[in-house]
Amino acid sequence: MIGRLAGRIDYRAGDHVLIDVRGVGYLVYCSDRTLQALPGVGEHTALYTDLVVREDLLQLFGFTTLAEKEWHRLLMSIQGVGAKASLAILGTLGPEGVGRAIALGDWNAVKAAKGIGPKTAQRVVNELKDKAPEVMAMGASASVPASGRVDVDDEVIEAPAPAAPARPAVTSAGSQAEALSALTNLGYGPGEAAGAVAQAAGDDPQAETPALIRAALKLLAPKG
C-alpha cells in the first residue's frame, strides 16, 4: 500500500497531478481544494495517498492531511459514493466541513457538492453520524500537512507544506478534538458532543478550546 508520496510535480491537470519520485511518475487524483493548495509545476510537495484497486484499474488519490484521507475512506464506504463523488464532497466542504455537516445532520451542506443528490447526501449523514466523533477526535495530528524531506537524485530537498495556510486548520482541529474529549469525559455521548462542538466551531471558527467547551455546554444545556 502506498500511503504517502513526496516528490516533484511534473504536471498538473484539472483533477490530478503527476508527481516524480526519484524518476518514477505517480498519477495522483485530488479534490479541487487539495489541488489549489499544491505548489506549481517543478516544485516539490508531499501528499498522503490512498490506493484504490479494481479489476481493471489502479488509482491513487492524494490528500494534504490524514483527516482528509480518513474522510475519503469513510465516504467511499457509502453506497452510491465513489471516488469522484467523495472528492467532490471534500472539495466543496473540506475535511472539517464534512465532519461538521455530518455531526450536525446537515445533509443540505453535503448536497451542495457537484453530483450529490439529496438521497445520497442523507445516506452519508445518516450512515456516518457515529463516525464523525471518531474522526474529529483525531484532532491536530490528523490535520498535519504531509510535508517532509524529499530525496531527489541524491539531493535532499525540504518539501514545503501545501500553499494554503495550515496553522489555522491545525489549531481549529486540535481545539475541537480537545473540546470533544472534555465533553465526553463529562458524560455526554459522542454524537451529541460532536454536534455541539461542530456547531460552536461553526459559529466561531477561531475559538480556542475553553471557548468551544463553554459554547458547546450552552448548546447542550436543557432548554426550559
Protein backbone atom coordinates (compact mmCIF):
# COMPACT_ATOMS: atom_id res chain seq x y z
CA MET A 1 0.00 0.00 0.00
CA ILE A 2 1.28 3.46 -0.95
CA GLY A 3 0.43 5.72 1.98
CA ARG A 4 2.47 8.83 1.20
CA LEU A 5 4.36 10.32 -1.73
CA ALA A 6 6.95 13.08 -1.74
CA GLY A 7 8.49 14.40 -4.92
CA ARG A 8 8.41 16.97 -7.71
CA ILE A 9 5.24 17.99 -9.51
CA ASP A 10 5.86 17.40 -13.20
CA TYR A 11 2.34 18.02 -14.48
CA ARG A 12 -0.98 19.43 -13.32
CA ALA A 13 -4.41 18.71 -14.79
CA GLY A 14 -7.98 19.53 -13.82
CA ASP A 15 -8.33 16.63 -11.40
CA HIS A 16 -4.83 15.19 -10.88
CA VAL A 17 -1.11 15.83 -10.70
CA LEU A 18 1.89 13.81 -11.83
CA ILE A 19 4.49 13.54 -9.08
CA ASP A 20 8.01 12.42 -9.91
CA VAL A 21 9.51 10.36 -7.09
CA ARG A 22 13.14 9.56 -7.93
CA GLY A 23 12.38 9.00 -11.60
CA VAL A 24 9.02 7.24 -11.18
CA GLY A 25 5.93 9.24 -12.06
CA TYR A 26 2.80 8.75 -9.97
CA LEU A 27 -0.57 9.99 -11.21
CA VAL A 28 -2.46 11.24 -8.15
CA TYR A 29 -6.10 12.36 -8.21
CA CYS A 30 -7.09 15.12 -5.77
CA SER A 31 -10.06 17.25 -4.78
CA ASP A 32 -10.31 20.81 -6.11
CA ARG A 33 -9.42 22.13 -2.67
CA THR A 34 -6.29 19.98 -2.45
CA LEU A 35 -5.18 20.90 -5.98
CA GLN A 36 -5.47 24.58 -5.13
CA ALA A 37 -3.27 24.05 -2.08
CA LEU A 38 -0.44 22.40 -4.02
CA PRO A 39 2.57 24.32 -5.38
CA GLY A 40 3.28 24.78 -9.08
CA VAL A 41 4.91 22.56 -11.67
CA GLY A 42 8.57 21.94 -10.92
CA GLU A 43 8.13 22.43 -7.18
CA HIS A 44 8.28 19.73 -4.52
CA THR A 45 5.37 18.55 -2.42
CA ALA A 46 4.13 15.64 -0.34
CA LEU A 47 0.72 14.02 -0.14
CA TYR A 48 -0.89 11.28 1.91
CA THR A 49 -2.32 8.76 -0.54
CA ASP A 50 -4.94 6.05 -0.81
CA LEU A 51 -4.65 3.33 -3.46
CA VAL A 52 -7.93 2.08 -4.90
CA VAL A 53 -7.62 -1.32 -6.56
CA ARG A 54 -10.19 -2.62 -9.04
CA GLU A 55 -10.10 -5.46 -11.52
CA ASP A 56 -9.20 -3.20 -14.43
CA LEU A 57 -7.86 -0.11 -12.69
CA LEU A 58 -5.38 1.16 -10.10
CA GLN A 59 -5.86 4.74 -8.92
CA LEU A 60 -4.01 6.85 -6.38
CA PHE A 61 -5.83 9.60 -4.53
CA GLY A 62 -3.91 12.32 -2.72
CA PHE A 63 -4.67 14.35 0.41
CA THR A 64 -2.90 17.15 2.23
CA THR A 65 -3.86 15.81 5.68
CA LEU A 66 -4.67 12.49 7.29
CA ALA A 67 -8.11 13.82 8.26
CA GLU A 68 -8.95 14.39 4.60
CA LYS A 69 -7.72 10.90 3.76
CA GLU A 70 -9.82 9.34 6.54
CA TRP A 71 -12.97 11.12 5.41
CA HIS A 72 -12.34 9.93 1.86
CA ARG A 73 -12.08 6.37 3.10
CA LEU A 74 -15.34 6.68 5.04
CA LEU A 75 -17.22 8.44 2.26
CA MET A 76 -16.19 5.71 -0.16
CA SER A 77 -17.81 3.15 2.14
CA ILE A 78 -21.25 4.66 1.49
CA GLN A 79 -23.37 3.09 -1.23
CA GLY A 80 -23.54 5.40 -4.22
CA VAL A 81 -20.43 7.37 -3.26
CA GLY A 82 -17.47 6.60 -5.48
CA ALA A 83 -14.09 8.26 -5.60
CA LYS A 84 -15.31 11.11 -7.81
CA ALA A 85 -18.24 11.88 -5.51
CA SER A 86 -16.03 11.70 -2.42
CA LEU A 87 -13.55 14.17 -3.89
CA ALA A 88 -16.44 16.45 -4.86
CA ILE A 89 -17.70 16.48 -1.26
CA LEU A 90 -14.23 17.09 0.16
CA GLY A 91 -13.52 19.74 -2.44
CA THR A 92 -16.70 21.60 -1.54
CA LEU A 93 -16.62 21.30 2.25
CA GLY A 94 -13.08 20.36 3.23
CA PRO A 95 -12.44 17.71 5.91
CA GLU A 96 -13.57 19.91 8.80
CA GLY A 97 -16.68 20.95 6.89
CA VAL A 98 -17.54 17.32 6.20
CA GLY A 99 -17.21 16.47 9.90
CA ARG A 100 -19.32 19.46 10.90
CA ALA A 101 -22.06 18.68 8.37
CA ILE A 102 -22.29 15.05 9.45
CA ALA A 103 -22.18 15.86 13.17
CA LEU A 104 -25.00 18.38 12.72
CA GLY A 105 -27.01 16.18 10.37
CA ASP A 106 -26.78 18.90 7.73
CA TRP A 107 -27.31 16.86 4.57
CA ASN A 108 -28.03 20.02 2.58
CA ALA A 109 -24.38 21.01 3.01
CA VAL A 110 -23.32 17.63 1.61
CA LYS A 111 -25.82 18.01 -1.24
CA ALA A 112 -24.07 21.21 -2.30
CA ALA A 113 -21.24 19.10 -3.76
CA LYS A 114 -21.42 18.56 -7.51
CA GLY A 115 -23.17 15.34 -8.48
CA ILE A 116 -24.54 14.61 -4.99
CA GLY A 117 -28.31 14.18 -4.83
CA PRO A 118 -30.50 14.50 -1.73
CA LYS A 119 -30.82 10.75 -1.15
CA THR A 120 -27.07 10.22 -1.29
CA ALA A 121 -26.46 13.24 0.95
CA GLN A 122 -28.92 11.93 3.54
CA ARG A 123 -27.31 8.48 3.37
CA VAL A 124 -23.88 10.00 4.01
CA VAL A 125 -25.10 11.89 7.07
CA ASN A 126 -27.13 9.02 8.48
CA GLU A 127 -24.54 6.30 7.99
CA LEU A 128 -21.50 8.30 9.12
CA LYS A 129 -23.00 10.17 12.08
CA ASP A 130 -21.46 7.67 14.50
CA LYS A 131 -18.08 8.03 12.78
CA ALA A 132 -17.87 11.83 12.97
CA PRO A 133 -16.82 11.99 16.65
CA GLU A 134 -14.05 9.45 15.99
CA VAL A 135 -12.53 11.44 13.14
CA MET A 136 -12.99 14.75 14.93
CA ALA A 137 -11.25 13.29 17.98
CA MET A 138 -8.20 12.53 15.85
CA GLY A 139 -7.50 16.21 16.32
CA ALA A 140 -4.45 18.13 15.22
CA SER A 141 -2.39 15.04 14.40
CA ALA A 142 -4.82 14.22 11.59
CA SER A 143 -4.58 17.77 10.23
CA VAL A 144 -0.80 17.92 9.99
CA PRO A 145 0.22 18.55 6.36
CA ALA A 146 2.13 15.79 4.58
CA SER A 147 5.21 17.97 4.12
CA GLY A 148 8.61 16.44 4.63
CA ARG A 149 12.07 15.77 3.20
CA VAL A 150 12.32 14.63 -0.40
CA ASP A 151 15.29 12.72 -1.80
CA VAL A 152 15.62 13.60 -5.49
CA ASP A 153 18.68 12.44 -7.43
CA ASP A 154 20.63 12.08 -4.20
CA GLU A 155 19.79 15.63 -3.17
CA VAL A 156 17.68 16.10 -0.06
CA ILE A 157 15.10 18.83 -0.51
CA GLU A 158 12.64 20.05 2.06
CA ALA A 159 9.16 19.56 0.67
CA PRO A 160 7.01 22.54 1.60
CA ALA A 161 3.64 22.28 3.22
CA PRO A 162 0.70 22.99 0.89
CA ALA A 163 0.34 26.60 -0.19
CA ALA A 164 -2.86 27.05 1.81
CA PRO A 165 -2.12 28.18 5.38
CA ALA A 166 -2.01 25.09 7.58
CA ARG A 167 -1.72 26.65 11.04
CA PRO A 168 -5.35 27.80 11.49
CA ALA A 169 -6.73 24.42 10.36
CA VAL A 170 -4.45 22.53 12.73
CA THR A 171 -5.34 24.82 15.63
CA SER A 172 -9.06 24.52 14.91
CA ALA A 173 -8.92 20.74 14.59
CA GLY A 174 -6.91 20.42 17.78
CA SER A 175 -9.27 22.69 19.73
CA GLN A 176 -12.31 20.77 18.52
CA ALA A 177 -10.70 17.46 19.46
CA GLU A 178 -9.85 18.72 22.96
CA ALA A 179 -13.34 20.15 23.45
CA LEU A 180 -14.90 16.90 22.25
CA SER A 181 -12.73 14.91 24.66
CA ALA A 182 -13.67 17.19 27.55
CA LEU A 183 -17.38 16.86 26.87
CA THR A 184 -17.26 13.08 26.59
CA ASN A 185 -15.31 12.98 29.85
CA LEU A 186 -18.20 14.94 31.40
CA GLY A 187 -20.55 12.16 30.37
CA TYR A 188 -22.04 13.46 27.14
CA GLY A 189 -22.49 10.95 24.33
CA PRO A 190 -20.00 11.16 21.45
CA GLY A 191 -22.73 12.02 18.94
CA GLU A 192 -24.33 14.87 20.89
CA ALA A 193 -20.91 16.18 21.96
CA ALA A 194 -19.66 16.18 18.37
CA GLY A 195 -22.77 18.01 17.20
CA ALA A 196 -22.43 20.71 19.85
CA VAL A 197 -18.70 21.19 19.20
CA ALA A 198 -19.28 21.34 15.45
CA GLN A 199 -22.00 23.98 15.86
CA ALA A 200 -19.86 26.00 18.27
CA ALA A 201 -16.89 25.84 15.89
CA GLY A 202 -19.10 26.90 13.00
CA ASP A 203 -20.29 29.92 14.98
CA ASP A 204 -16.71 30.91 15.87
CA PRO A 205 -14.07 29.19 13.70
CA GLN A 206 -11.20 30.85 15.60
CA ALA A 207 -12.38 29.80 19.06
CA GLU A 208 -9.83 28.09 21.30
CA THR A 209 -10.61 25.04 23.44
CA PRO A 210 -12.05 26.81 26.55
CA ALA A 211 -14.37 28.96 24.43
CA LEU A 212 -15.51 25.94 22.43
CA ILE A 213 -16.27 24.00 25.62
CA ARG A 214 -18.30 26.87 27.09
CA ALA A 215 -20.26 27.38 23.87
CA ALA A 216 -20.89 23.66 23.46
CA LEU A 217 -22.10 23.33 27.06
CA LYS A 218 -24.58 26.14 26.47
CA LEU A 219 -25.88 24.31 23.43
CA LEU A 220 -26.17 21.08 25.39
CA ALA A 221 -27.86 22.68 28.39
CA PRO A 222 -31.51 21.63 28.88
CA LYS A 223 -33.91 24.12 27.35
CA GLY A 224 -36.54 25.33 29.71
